[in-house]
Amino acid sequence: MSPKTFITLKVTSYILKNKTLIILICIIGVSAFSYGILKDNNLIFIIGLLLVFIGYLLIRRKIKESIQNNP
């Protein structure tokens, strides 16, 4: 396993285990999304939309793992 792959796996596992980082991603995403709409900035709007979607996927994965571990 290359060092770059190892670092990527380590960061990914940290993000999935740390709720604060997931919440921060969602808050930044919602803020960017809102700013993009209010100021007519398409790039910021799309970045915010992507961050909200990534936050949603992380939360969804965490809920699925929780359900599978606690039947």
N, C-alpha and C. Protein backbone atom coordinates (compact mmCIF):
# COMPACT_ATOMS: atom_id res chain seq x y z
N MET A 1 0.86 -1.18 0.00
CA MET A 1 0.00 0.00 0.00
C MET A 1 0.90 1.24 0.00
N SER A 2 0.63 2.14 -0.89
CA SER A 2 1.45 3.35 -0.99
C SER A 2 1.11 4.31 0.15
N PRO A 3 2.04 5.18 0.50
CA PRO A 3 1.78 6.14 1.59
C PRO A 3 0.59 7.05 1.31
N LYS A 4 0.39 7.42 0.04
CA LYS A 4 -0.73 8.30 -0.30
C LYS A 4 -2.07 7.60 -0.05
N THR A 5 -2.15 6.32 -0.42
CA THR A 5 -3.37 5.54 -0.18
C THR A 5 -3.62 5.39 1.31
N PHE A 6 -2.56 5.14 2.07
CA PHE A 6 -2.68 4.98 3.51
C PHE A 6 -3.21 6.26 4.16
N ILE A 7 -2.68 7.40 3.75
CA ILE A 7 -3.12 8.68 4.30
C ILE A 7 -4.58 8.94 3.95
N THR A 8 -4.97 8.61 2.72
CA THR A 8 -6.36 8.79 2.30
C THR A 8 -7.29 7.93 3.13
N LEU A 9 -6.92 6.68 3.37
CA LEU A 9 -7.76 5.80 4.19
C LEU A 9 -7.85 6.30 5.62
N LYS A 10 -6.74 6.80 6.14
CA LYS A 10 -6.72 7.30 7.51
C LYS A 10 -7.62 8.53 7.66
N VAL A 11 -7.55 9.45 6.70
CA VAL A 11 -8.39 10.65 6.74
C VAL A 11 -9.86 10.28 6.59
N THR A 12 -10.16 9.34 5.68
CA THR A 12 -11.54 8.91 5.47
C THR A 12 -12.12 8.29 6.74
N SER A 13 -11.35 7.43 7.40
CA SER A 13 -11.85 6.81 8.63
C SER A 13 -12.03 7.85 9.73
N TYR A 14 -11.15 8.86 9.78
CA TYR A 14 -11.29 9.92 10.78
C TYR A 14 -12.56 10.72 10.55
N ILE A 15 -12.85 11.04 9.29
CA ILE A 15 -14.05 11.81 8.97
C ILE A 15 -15.30 11.02 9.35
N LEU A 16 -15.30 9.72 9.08
CA LEU A 16 -16.48 8.92 9.38
C LEU A 16 -16.70 8.75 10.87
N LYS A 17 -15.63 8.78 11.68
CA LYS A 17 -15.78 8.58 13.12
C LYS A 17 -16.00 9.88 13.88
N ASN A 18 -15.66 11.00 13.29
CA ASN A 18 -15.75 12.27 13.99
C ASN A 18 -17.00 13.04 13.57
N LYS A 19 -17.94 13.16 14.50
CA LYS A 19 -19.21 13.84 14.20
C LYS A 19 -19.02 15.33 13.99
N THR A 20 -18.07 15.92 14.69
CA THR A 20 -17.86 17.36 14.59
C THR A 20 -17.47 17.76 13.17
N LEU A 21 -16.62 16.97 12.54
CA LEU A 21 -16.19 17.28 11.19
C LEU A 21 -17.34 17.16 10.19
N ILE A 22 -18.21 16.17 10.38
CA ILE A 22 -19.37 16.01 9.50
C ILE A 22 -20.31 17.21 9.66
N ILE A 23 -20.53 17.63 10.89
CA ILE A 23 -21.39 18.79 11.14
C ILE A 23 -20.78 20.05 10.53
N LEU A 24 -19.46 20.19 10.65
CA LEU A 24 -18.78 21.35 10.08
C LEU A 24 -18.90 21.37 8.56
N ILE A 25 -18.77 20.22 7.92
CA ILE A 25 -18.94 20.13 6.46
C ILE A 25 -20.34 20.57 6.07
N CYS A 26 -21.34 20.11 6.81
CA CYS A 26 -22.73 20.49 6.50
C CYS A 26 -22.98 21.98 6.71
N ILE A 27 -22.46 22.54 7.79
CA ILE A 27 -22.66 23.96 8.07
C ILE A 27 -21.99 24.82 7.01
N ILE A 28 -20.76 24.47 6.64
CA ILE A 28 -20.07 25.22 5.58
C ILE A 28 -20.83 25.10 4.27
N GLY A 29 -21.34 23.90 3.99
CA GLY A 29 -22.09 23.68 2.76
C GLY A 29 -23.36 24.51 2.71
N VAL A 30 -24.11 24.53 3.80
CA VAL A 30 -25.35 25.31 3.83
C VAL A 30 -25.04 26.81 3.73
N SER A 31 -23.98 27.24 4.39
CA SER A 31 -23.60 28.66 4.30
C SER A 31 -23.20 29.04 2.88
N ALA A 32 -22.39 28.20 2.24
CA ALA A 32 -21.96 28.49 0.87
C ALA A 32 -23.15 28.44 -0.08
N PHE A 33 -24.03 27.48 0.13
CA PHE A 33 -25.24 27.35 -0.68
C PHE A 33 -26.08 28.63 -0.59
N SER A 34 -26.31 29.09 0.64
CA SER A 34 -27.12 30.29 0.85
C SER A 34 -26.45 31.53 0.26
N TYR A 35 -25.15 31.65 0.48
CA TYR A 35 -24.41 32.80 -0.06
C TYR A 35 -24.47 32.80 -1.58
N GLY A 36 -24.32 31.63 -2.18
CA GLY A 36 -24.38 31.53 -3.64
C GLY A 36 -25.72 31.95 -4.19
N ILE A 37 -26.79 31.63 -3.48
CA ILE A 37 -28.13 32.04 -3.93
C ILE A 37 -28.31 33.55 -3.75
N LEU A 38 -27.94 34.07 -2.58
CA LEU A 38 -28.17 35.49 -2.29
C LEU A 38 -27.33 36.42 -3.17
N LYS A 39 -26.11 36.05 -3.45
CA LYS A 39 -25.21 36.92 -4.21
C LYS A 39 -25.11 36.55 -5.68
N ASP A 40 -25.92 35.64 -6.14
CA ASP A 40 -25.91 35.18 -7.54
C ASP A 40 -24.52 34.70 -7.97
N ASN A 41 -23.89 33.92 -7.12
CA ASN A 41 -22.56 33.38 -7.40
C ASN A 41 -22.71 31.87 -7.66
N ASN A 42 -22.69 31.48 -8.92
CA ASN A 42 -22.95 30.09 -9.28
C ASN A 42 -21.90 29.13 -8.75
N LEU A 43 -20.63 29.53 -8.77
CA LEU A 43 -19.56 28.64 -8.32
C LEU A 43 -19.71 28.31 -6.84
N ILE A 44 -19.93 29.32 -6.01
CA ILE A 44 -20.11 29.11 -4.57
C ILE A 44 -21.37 28.28 -4.32
N PHE A 45 -22.41 28.53 -5.06
CA PHE A 45 -23.65 27.77 -4.94
C PHE A 45 -23.40 26.29 -5.20
N ILE A 46 -22.67 25.97 -6.27
CA ILE A 46 -22.41 24.57 -6.61
C ILE A 46 -21.49 23.92 -5.59
N ILE A 47 -20.48 24.65 -5.12
CA ILE A 47 -19.60 24.11 -4.07
C ILE A 47 -20.40 23.82 -2.81
N GLY A 48 -21.27 24.73 -2.42
CA GLY A 48 -22.12 24.51 -1.25
C GLY A 48 -23.04 23.31 -1.43
N LEU A 49 -23.59 23.18 -2.62
CA LEU A 49 -24.46 22.04 -2.91
C LEU A 49 -23.69 20.73 -2.80
N LEU A 50 -22.47 20.70 -3.31
CA LEU A 50 -21.63 19.50 -3.21
C LEU A 50 -21.28 19.18 -1.76
N LEU A 51 -20.96 20.19 -0.97
CA LEU A 51 -20.62 19.95 0.43
C LEU A 51 -21.83 19.42 1.21
N VAL A 52 -23.00 19.96 0.95
CA VAL A 52 -24.21 19.46 1.61
C VAL A 52 -24.46 18.01 1.21
N PHE A 53 -24.28 17.70 -0.06
CA PHE A 53 -24.48 16.33 -0.53
C PHE A 53 -23.47 15.38 0.10
N ILE A 54 -22.22 15.79 0.20
CA ILE A 54 -21.19 14.96 0.84
C ILE A 54 -21.53 14.75 2.32
N GLY A 55 -21.96 15.81 3.00
CA GLY A 55 -22.36 15.69 4.40
C GLY A 55 -23.53 14.74 4.56
N TYR A 56 -24.49 14.83 3.65
CA TYR A 56 -25.64 13.92 3.68
C TYR A 56 -25.19 12.47 3.53
N LEU A 57 -24.29 12.21 2.59
CA LEU A 57 -23.81 10.84 2.38
C LEU A 57 -23.05 10.32 3.59
N LEU A 58 -22.26 11.18 4.23
CA LEU A 58 -21.53 10.76 5.43
C LEU A 58 -22.49 10.44 6.58
N ILE A 59 -23.50 11.27 6.76
CA ILE A 59 -24.49 11.02 7.82
C ILE A 59 -25.26 9.74 7.51
N ARG A 60 -25.63 9.55 6.27
CA ARG A 60 -26.37 8.35 5.86
C ARG A 60 -25.55 7.09 6.12
N ARG A 61 -24.25 7.14 5.79
CA ARG A 61 -23.38 5.98 6.03
C ARG A 61 -23.27 5.69 7.52
N LYS A 62 -23.16 6.74 8.32
CA LYS A 62 -23.04 6.57 9.77
C LYS A 62 -24.32 5.95 10.35
N ILE A 63 -25.48 6.37 9.86
CA ILE A 63 -26.75 5.81 10.34
C ILE A 63 -26.87 4.35 9.92
N LYS A 64 -26.47 4.02 8.69
CA LYS A 64 -26.53 2.63 8.24
C LYS A 64 -25.65 1.73 9.10
N GLU A 65 -24.42 2.19 9.40
CA GLU A 65 -23.53 1.41 10.25
C GLU A 65 -24.12 1.23 11.64
N SER A 66 -24.74 2.27 12.16
CA SER A 66 -25.34 2.20 13.48
C SER A 66 -26.48 1.19 13.52
N ILE A 67 -27.29 1.17 12.47
CA ILE A 67 -28.41 0.23 12.41
C ILE A 67 -27.91 -1.21 12.29
N GLN A 68 -26.87 -1.42 11.49
CA GLN A 68 -26.34 -2.77 11.31
C GLN A 68 -25.68 -3.29 12.57
N ASN A 69 -25.04 -2.41 13.36
CA ASN A 69 -24.36 -2.84 14.57
C ASN A 69 -25.31 -3.04 15.75
N ASN A 70 -26.46 -2.41 15.72
CA ASN A 70 -27.43 -2.50 16.82
C ASN A 70 -28.79 -2.95 16.28
N PRO A 71 -28.94 -4.25 16.07
CA PRO A 71 -30.23 -4.72 15.50
C PRO A 71 -31.39 -4.59 16.46
